[in-house]
C-alpha cells in the first residue's frame, strides 16, 4: 500500500505552476498545438504526483 505525504517546497511550487499552466491553456481556443501542450502538461502533472508517493512498510 502506498501513502501520500503533503507536498511541500519545490514539489508544491512545481505542482502549482503546472496547474496554473493547465488552467491558462484551457482558456485558449482549441488547436493541435494546445492539445499537444496539454498532453505534455498532464504527463508532467502525473510525474509530480508520482514523485510524492512513498511505499508503506
N, C-alpha and C. Protein backbone atom coordinates (compact mmCIF):
# COMPACT_ATOMS: atom_id res chain seq x y z
N UNK A 1 0.84 -1.17 0.00
CA UNK A 1 0.00 0.00 0.00
C UNK A 1 0.89 1.24 0.00
N UNK A 2 0.46 2.25 -0.71
CA UNK A 2 1.25 3.47 -0.75
C UNK A 2 0.58 4.54 0.10
N UNK A 3 1.38 5.49 0.48
CA UNK A 3 0.88 6.58 1.31
C UNK A 3 1.32 7.89 0.68
N UNK A 4 0.49 8.89 0.81
CA UNK A 4 0.83 10.21 0.25
C UNK A 4 1.12 11.18 1.38
N UNK A 5 2.20 11.91 1.20
CA UNK A 5 2.51 12.96 2.16
C UNK A 5 2.05 14.29 1.55
N UNK A 6 1.96 15.29 2.36
CA UNK A 6 1.58 16.60 1.85
C UNK A 6 2.75 17.19 1.07
N UNK A 7 2.48 17.70 -0.13
CA UNK A 7 3.57 18.30 -0.90
C UNK A 7 4.09 19.56 -0.23
N UNK A 8 5.39 19.79 -0.38
CA UNK A 8 5.98 20.99 0.20
C UNK A 8 7.18 21.41 -0.63
N UNK A 9 7.63 22.61 -0.41
CA UNK A 9 8.83 23.11 -1.07
C UNK A 9 8.74 23.10 -2.58
N UNK A 10 9.84 22.69 -3.22
CA UNK A 10 9.90 22.73 -4.69
C UNK A 10 8.82 21.89 -5.36
N UNK A 11 8.46 20.76 -4.77
CA UNK A 11 7.42 19.91 -5.35
C UNK A 11 6.08 20.64 -5.38
N UNK A 12 5.76 21.28 -4.30
CA UNK A 12 4.50 22.02 -4.23
C UNK A 12 4.49 23.17 -5.24
N UNK A 13 5.59 23.90 -5.34
CA UNK A 13 5.66 25.01 -6.30
C UNK A 13 5.54 24.50 -7.74
N UNK A 14 6.17 23.37 -8.03
CA UNK A 14 6.10 22.79 -9.37
C UNK A 14 4.66 22.39 -9.71
N UNK A 15 3.98 21.76 -8.76
CA UNK A 15 2.58 21.38 -8.98
C UNK A 15 1.72 22.61 -9.22
N UNK A 16 1.92 23.63 -8.43
CA UNK A 16 1.15 24.86 -8.57
C UNK A 16 1.38 25.48 -9.95
N UNK A 17 2.62 25.48 -10.40
CA UNK A 17 2.94 26.05 -11.72
C UNK A 17 2.29 25.25 -12.84
N UNK A 18 2.33 23.92 -12.74
CA UNK A 18 1.71 23.09 -13.78
C UNK A 18 0.19 23.29 -13.78
N UNK A 19 -0.42 23.32 -12.61
CA UNK A 19 -1.87 23.55 -12.53
C UNK A 19 -2.24 24.89 -13.15
N UNK A 20 -1.47 25.92 -12.86
CA UNK A 20 -1.75 27.24 -13.42
C UNK A 20 -1.60 27.23 -14.94
N UNK A 21 -0.59 26.54 -15.44
CA UNK A 21 -0.40 26.45 -16.89
C UNK A 21 -1.56 25.73 -17.56
N UNK A 22 -2.05 24.68 -16.93
CA UNK A 22 -3.20 23.95 -17.48
C UNK A 22 -4.42 24.85 -17.50
N UNK A 23 -4.66 25.59 -16.44
CA UNK A 23 -5.82 26.49 -16.40
C UNK A 23 -5.74 27.56 -17.48
N UNK A 24 -4.55 28.13 -17.67
CA UNK A 24 -4.39 29.14 -18.73
C UNK A 24 -4.63 28.52 -20.10
N UNK A 25 -4.13 27.33 -20.28
CA UNK A 25 -4.24 26.66 -21.58
C UNK A 25 -5.70 26.38 -21.94
N UNK A 26 -6.49 26.02 -20.97
CA UNK A 26 -7.89 25.70 -21.22
C UNK A 26 -8.66 26.92 -21.74
N UNK A 27 -8.20 28.10 -21.39
CA UNK A 27 -8.86 29.33 -21.87
C UNK A 27 -8.52 29.66 -23.32
N UNK A 28 -7.52 28.99 -23.87
CA UNK A 28 -7.13 29.24 -25.27
C UNK A 28 -8.09 28.52 -26.21
N UNK A 29 -8.21 29.02 -27.44
CA UNK A 29 -9.05 28.32 -28.42
C UNK A 29 -8.45 26.96 -28.77
N UNK A 30 -9.31 25.98 -29.06
CA UNK A 30 -8.81 24.65 -29.43
C UNK A 30 -7.89 24.71 -30.65
N UNK A 31 -6.82 23.93 -30.59
CA UNK A 31 -5.91 23.81 -31.72
C UNK A 31 -5.03 22.57 -31.50
N UNK A 32 -4.40 22.07 -32.54
CA UNK A 32 -3.50 20.94 -32.35
C UNK A 32 -2.34 21.27 -31.40
N UNK A 33 -1.86 22.52 -31.45
CA UNK A 33 -0.77 22.93 -30.57
C UNK A 33 -1.23 22.93 -29.10
N UNK A 34 -2.44 23.39 -28.86
CA UNK A 34 -2.97 23.39 -27.49
C UNK A 34 -3.09 21.96 -26.99
N UNK A 35 -3.58 21.07 -27.82
CA UNK A 35 -3.71 19.67 -27.43
C UNK A 35 -2.36 19.07 -27.07
N UNK A 36 -1.36 19.35 -27.88
CA UNK A 36 -0.01 18.85 -27.61
C UNK A 36 0.54 19.38 -26.30
N UNK A 37 0.39 20.67 -26.07
CA UNK A 37 0.88 21.26 -24.82
C UNK A 37 0.13 20.70 -23.62
N UNK A 38 -1.19 20.49 -23.77
CA UNK A 38 -2.00 19.94 -22.70
C UNK A 38 -1.52 18.53 -22.34
N UNK A 39 -1.26 17.72 -23.34
CA UNK A 39 -0.77 16.36 -23.10
C UNK A 39 0.57 16.37 -22.36
N UNK A 40 1.47 17.27 -22.75
CA UNK A 40 2.76 17.36 -22.06
C UNK A 40 2.58 17.81 -20.61
N UNK A 41 1.68 18.75 -20.38
CA UNK A 41 1.43 19.21 -19.02
C UNK A 41 0.82 18.10 -18.15
N UNK A 42 -0.06 17.30 -18.73
CA UNK A 42 -0.64 16.19 -17.97
C UNK A 42 0.42 15.16 -17.59
N UNK A 43 1.35 14.90 -18.49
CA UNK A 43 2.44 13.98 -18.18
C UNK A 43 3.27 14.54 -17.04
N UNK A 44 3.58 15.82 -17.10
CA UNK A 44 4.36 16.46 -16.02
C UNK A 44 3.60 16.43 -14.70
N UNK A 45 2.30 16.70 -14.75
CA UNK A 45 1.47 16.68 -13.55
C UNK A 45 1.51 15.29 -12.91
N UNK A 46 1.37 14.26 -13.75
CA UNK A 46 1.42 12.88 -13.24
C UNK A 46 2.78 12.59 -12.62
N UNK A 47 3.86 13.00 -13.27
CA UNK A 47 5.20 12.76 -12.73
C UNK A 47 5.37 13.42 -11.36
N UNK A 48 4.86 14.62 -11.22
CA UNK A 48 4.98 15.33 -9.95
C UNK A 48 4.19 14.64 -8.84
N UNK A 49 3.05 14.07 -9.19
CA UNK A 49 2.26 13.37 -8.19
C UNK A 49 2.86 12.01 -7.85
N UNK A 50 3.42 11.34 -8.83
CA UNK A 50 4.07 10.05 -8.56
C UNK A 50 5.30 10.24 -7.69
N UNK A 51 5.96 11.38 -7.82
CA UNK A 51 7.16 11.66 -7.03
C UNK A 51 6.82 11.79 -5.55
N UNK A 52 5.56 12.02 -5.25
CA UNK A 52 5.13 12.24 -3.87
C UNK A 52 4.58 10.96 -3.21
N UNK A 53 4.55 9.86 -3.93
CA UNK A 53 4.03 8.61 -3.39
C UNK A 53 5.18 7.80 -2.83
N UNK A 54 5.02 7.35 -1.59
CA UNK A 54 6.04 6.50 -0.98
C UNK A 54 5.40 5.18 -0.58
N UNK A 55 6.13 4.12 -0.69
CA UNK A 55 5.62 2.80 -0.33
C UNK A 55 5.51 2.67 1.18
N UNK A 56 4.39 2.15 1.61
CA UNK A 56 4.19 1.92 3.05
C UNK A 56 4.94 0.66 3.46
N UNK A 57 5.36 0.62 4.71
CA UNK A 57 6.10 -0.54 5.21
C UNK A 57 5.18 -1.72 5.44
